[in-house]
Amino acid sequence: MVTVLREAGFRFAIYLSDHLPEHVHVYGDGEAKIEFGGDGPVKVVSSYGMKAGDVRRAVRIVEAHRETIARHWRDMHG
């Protein structure tokens, strides 16, 4: 797992052996998995133990840093 971003108390990570669709794992008080690949909207796949407001905040951060996170994904997975 590689941490690609830290912001607002969250750690955004991508697993080296992960799978499509492109997504990032978010850790804070709980965790969430957020898809960001393609041209579609950023989408929450799952969340465990994370407050709804924190999930929304994490989605906004992924939206704001989508290109950077996608670059990290492509660098790791081709």
N, C-alpha and C. Protein backbone atom coordinates (compact mmCIF):
# COMPACT_ATOMS: atom_id res chain seq x y z
N MET A 1 0.85 -1.17 0.00
CA MET A 1 0.00 0.00 0.00
C MET A 1 0.90 1.23 0.00
N VAL A 2 0.57 2.17 -0.88
CA VAL A 2 1.34 3.40 -1.00
C VAL A 2 0.43 4.58 -0.66
N THR A 3 0.85 5.39 0.28
CA THR A 3 0.11 6.60 0.60
C THR A 3 0.41 7.63 -0.47
N VAL A 4 -0.63 8.11 -1.14
CA VAL A 4 -0.45 9.07 -2.24
C VAL A 4 -0.86 10.48 -1.86
N LEU A 5 -1.55 10.63 -0.73
CA LEU A 5 -2.00 11.96 -0.31
C LEU A 5 -2.38 11.91 1.17
N ARG A 6 -2.09 12.97 1.87
CA ARG A 6 -2.57 13.17 3.25
C ARG A 6 -3.20 14.56 3.29
N GLU A 7 -4.45 14.60 3.74
CA GLU A 7 -5.14 15.89 3.83
C GLU A 7 -6.30 15.77 4.80
N ALA A 8 -6.52 16.82 5.58
CA ALA A 8 -7.67 16.94 6.48
C ALA A 8 -7.80 15.75 7.43
N GLY A 9 -6.68 15.19 7.85
CA GLY A 9 -6.71 14.07 8.77
C GLY A 9 -6.94 12.72 8.11
N PHE A 10 -6.97 12.70 6.79
CA PHE A 10 -7.16 11.45 6.04
C PHE A 10 -5.85 11.03 5.39
N ARG A 11 -5.72 9.72 5.20
CA ARG A 11 -4.62 9.15 4.43
C ARG A 11 -5.24 8.45 3.24
N PHE A 12 -4.80 8.78 2.04
CA PHE A 12 -5.32 8.22 0.80
C PHE A 12 -4.26 7.26 0.26
N ALA A 13 -4.64 6.00 0.06
CA ALA A 13 -3.66 4.99 -0.30
C ALA A 13 -4.14 4.13 -1.46
N ILE A 14 -3.17 3.63 -2.22
CA ILE A 14 -3.43 2.72 -3.32
C ILE A 14 -2.61 1.46 -3.06
N TYR A 15 -3.24 0.31 -3.18
CA TYR A 15 -2.54 -0.96 -3.02
C TYR A 15 -1.80 -1.31 -4.30
N LEU A 16 -0.58 -1.80 -4.16
CA LEU A 16 0.24 -2.15 -5.32
C LEU A 16 -0.37 -3.27 -6.15
N SER A 17 -1.06 -4.20 -5.51
CA SER A 17 -1.64 -5.34 -6.23
C SER A 17 -3.15 -5.20 -6.40
N ASP A 18 -3.62 -3.96 -6.50
CA ASP A 18 -5.06 -3.72 -6.57
C ASP A 18 -5.61 -3.96 -7.97
N HIS A 19 -6.87 -3.75 -8.15
CA HIS A 19 -7.61 -4.11 -9.36
C HIS A 19 -8.40 -2.91 -9.87
N LEU A 20 -8.82 -3.00 -11.11
CA LEU A 20 -9.72 -2.01 -11.69
C LEU A 20 -11.11 -2.20 -11.11
N PRO A 21 -11.93 -1.21 -11.12
CA PRO A 21 -11.73 0.16 -11.60
C PRO A 21 -10.81 0.94 -10.66
N GLU A 22 -10.23 2.01 -11.19
CA GLU A 22 -9.33 2.84 -10.40
C GLU A 22 -10.05 3.35 -9.15
N HIS A 23 -9.39 3.17 -8.03
CA HIS A 23 -9.98 3.62 -6.76
C HIS A 23 -8.87 3.89 -5.76
N VAL A 24 -9.25 4.55 -4.68
CA VAL A 24 -8.32 4.87 -3.60
C VAL A 24 -8.98 4.47 -2.29
N HIS A 25 -8.16 4.03 -1.36
CA HIS A 25 -8.62 3.68 -0.01
C HIS A 25 -8.33 4.87 0.88
N VAL A 26 -9.31 5.28 1.66
CA VAL A 26 -9.18 6.45 2.52
C VAL A 26 -9.26 5.99 3.97
N TYR A 27 -8.29 6.41 4.77
CA TYR A 27 -8.24 6.03 6.17
C TYR A 27 -8.26 7.27 7.04
N GLY A 28 -9.04 7.22 8.08
CA GLY A 28 -9.15 8.28 9.07
C GLY A 28 -9.79 7.63 10.28
N ASP A 29 -10.90 8.16 10.75
CA ASP A 29 -11.70 7.46 11.75
C ASP A 29 -12.61 6.53 10.97
N GLY A 30 -12.12 5.36 10.65
CA GLY A 30 -12.81 4.42 9.77
C GLY A 30 -12.10 4.41 8.43
N GLU A 31 -12.76 3.83 7.45
CA GLU A 31 -12.17 3.78 6.12
C GLU A 31 -13.24 3.80 5.05
N ALA A 32 -12.83 4.21 3.87
CA ALA A 32 -13.73 4.24 2.72
C ALA A 32 -12.95 3.86 1.47
N LYS A 33 -13.67 3.38 0.49
CA LYS A 33 -13.09 3.07 -0.82
C LYS A 33 -13.83 3.93 -1.83
N ILE A 34 -13.07 4.72 -2.61
CA ILE A 34 -13.66 5.69 -3.51
C ILE A 34 -13.12 5.48 -4.92
N GLU A 35 -14.03 5.26 -5.88
CA GLU A 35 -13.64 5.13 -7.29
C GLU A 35 -13.51 6.52 -7.90
N PHE A 36 -12.53 6.68 -8.79
CA PHE A 36 -12.30 7.97 -9.43
C PHE A 36 -11.97 7.83 -10.90
N GLY A 37 -11.87 6.64 -11.43
CA GLY A 37 -11.40 6.42 -12.80
C GLY A 37 -12.40 6.86 -13.85
N GLY A 38 -11.89 7.04 -15.05
CA GLY A 38 -12.73 7.40 -16.18
C GLY A 38 -13.23 8.83 -16.10
N ASP A 39 -14.27 9.09 -16.90
CA ASP A 39 -14.83 10.45 -16.97
C ASP A 39 -16.04 10.62 -16.07
N GLY A 40 -16.48 9.55 -15.43
CA GLY A 40 -17.67 9.61 -14.60
C GLY A 40 -17.41 10.30 -13.27
N PRO A 41 -18.44 10.39 -12.48
CA PRO A 41 -18.29 11.04 -11.17
C PRO A 41 -17.49 10.18 -10.20
N VAL A 42 -16.87 10.83 -9.23
CA VAL A 42 -16.22 10.13 -8.14
C VAL A 42 -17.33 9.43 -7.35
N LYS A 43 -17.09 8.17 -6.96
CA LYS A 43 -18.16 7.37 -6.36
C LYS A 43 -17.65 6.61 -5.14
N VAL A 44 -18.41 6.64 -4.05
CA VAL A 44 -18.09 5.88 -2.86
C VAL A 44 -18.52 4.44 -3.09
N VAL A 45 -17.58 3.51 -2.97
CA VAL A 45 -17.87 2.09 -3.14
C VAL A 45 -18.27 1.49 -1.80
N SER A 46 -17.55 1.86 -0.74
CA SER A 46 -17.85 1.34 0.59
C SER A 46 -17.28 2.27 1.64
N SER A 47 -17.83 2.17 2.83
CA SER A 47 -17.26 2.88 3.97
C SER A 47 -17.59 2.09 5.23
N TYR A 48 -16.64 2.07 6.14
CA TYR A 48 -16.77 1.33 7.39
C TYR A 48 -16.28 2.20 8.54
N GLY A 49 -17.16 2.51 9.46
CA GLY A 49 -16.78 3.25 10.64
C GLY A 49 -16.48 4.72 10.42
N MET A 50 -16.73 5.22 9.22
CA MET A 50 -16.45 6.62 8.91
C MET A 50 -17.77 7.39 8.90
N LYS A 51 -17.81 8.51 9.57
CA LYS A 51 -19.02 9.33 9.60
C LYS A 51 -19.35 9.82 8.19
N ALA A 52 -20.63 10.01 7.93
CA ALA A 52 -21.09 10.44 6.61
C ALA A 52 -20.45 11.75 6.18
N GLY A 53 -20.30 12.69 7.10
CA GLY A 53 -19.67 13.96 6.79
C GLY A 53 -18.21 13.79 6.40
N ASP A 54 -17.52 12.85 7.05
CA ASP A 54 -16.13 12.58 6.69
C ASP A 54 -16.03 11.93 5.32
N VAL A 55 -16.98 11.06 5.00
CA VAL A 55 -17.00 10.44 3.67
C VAL A 55 -17.20 11.52 2.61
N ARG A 56 -18.13 12.43 2.83
CA ARG A 56 -18.35 13.52 1.87
C ARG A 56 -17.09 14.38 1.72
N ARG A 57 -16.43 14.66 2.83
CA ARG A 57 -15.19 15.45 2.79
C ARG A 57 -14.11 14.70 1.99
N ALA A 58 -13.99 13.40 2.21
CA ALA A 58 -13.01 12.60 1.48
C ALA A 58 -13.32 12.61 -0.02
N VAL A 59 -14.58 12.52 -0.39
CA VAL A 59 -14.97 12.57 -1.81
C VAL A 59 -14.55 13.90 -2.41
N ARG A 60 -14.80 15.00 -1.71
CA ARG A 60 -14.41 16.32 -2.22
C ARG A 60 -12.89 16.42 -2.42
N ILE A 61 -12.14 15.82 -1.51
CA ILE A 61 -10.68 15.84 -1.63
C ILE A 61 -10.25 15.01 -2.84
N VAL A 62 -10.86 13.84 -3.03
CA VAL A 62 -10.53 13.02 -4.20
C VAL A 62 -10.87 13.79 -5.47
N GLU A 63 -12.01 14.47 -5.50
CA GLU A 63 -12.38 15.27 -6.68
C GLU A 63 -11.33 16.35 -6.94
N ALA A 64 -10.87 17.00 -5.90
CA ALA A 64 -9.91 18.10 -6.04
C ALA A 64 -8.53 17.61 -6.50
N HIS A 65 -8.19 16.38 -6.17
CA HIS A 65 -6.86 15.83 -6.47
C HIS A 65 -6.94 14.65 -7.44
N ARG A 66 -8.03 14.56 -8.16
CA ARG A 66 -8.29 13.41 -9.02
C ARG A 66 -7.15 13.11 -9.99
N GLU A 67 -6.65 14.12 -10.67
CA GLU A 67 -5.58 13.90 -11.66
C GLU A 67 -4.30 13.39 -11.00
N THR A 68 -3.95 13.93 -9.86
CA THR A 68 -2.75 13.49 -9.16
C THR A 68 -2.90 12.04 -8.69
N ILE A 69 -4.04 11.72 -8.12
CA ILE A 69 -4.28 10.35 -7.66
C ILE A 69 -4.29 9.39 -8.84
N ALA A 70 -4.92 9.80 -9.94
CA ALA A 70 -4.96 8.96 -11.14
C ALA A 70 -3.56 8.73 -11.69
N ARG A 71 -2.72 9.74 -11.64
CA ARG A 71 -1.32 9.58 -12.10
C ARG A 71 -0.60 8.55 -11.26
N HIS A 72 -0.79 8.60 -9.95
CA HIS A 72 -0.17 7.60 -9.06
C HIS A 72 -0.69 6.20 -9.42
N TRP A 73 -2.00 6.09 -9.65
CA TRP A 73 -2.58 4.79 -10.00
C TRP A 73 -1.92 4.24 -11.27
N ARG A 74 -1.84 5.08 -12.29
CA ARG A 74 -1.25 4.65 -13.57
C ARG A 74 0.23 4.29 -13.41
N ASP A 75 0.95 5.04 -12.61
CA ASP A 75 2.36 4.74 -12.37
C ASP A 75 2.52 3.37 -11.72
N MET A 76 1.59 2.98 -10.87
CA MET A 76 1.68 1.71 -10.16
C MET A 76 1.11 0.54 -10.96
N HIS A 77 0.08 0.79 -11.77
CA HIS A 77 -0.65 -0.29 -12.42
C HIS A 77 -0.61 -0.26 -13.94
N GLY A 78 0.02 0.73 -14.51
CA GLY A 78 0.14 0.79 -15.96
C GLY A 78 -1.08 1.32 -16.66
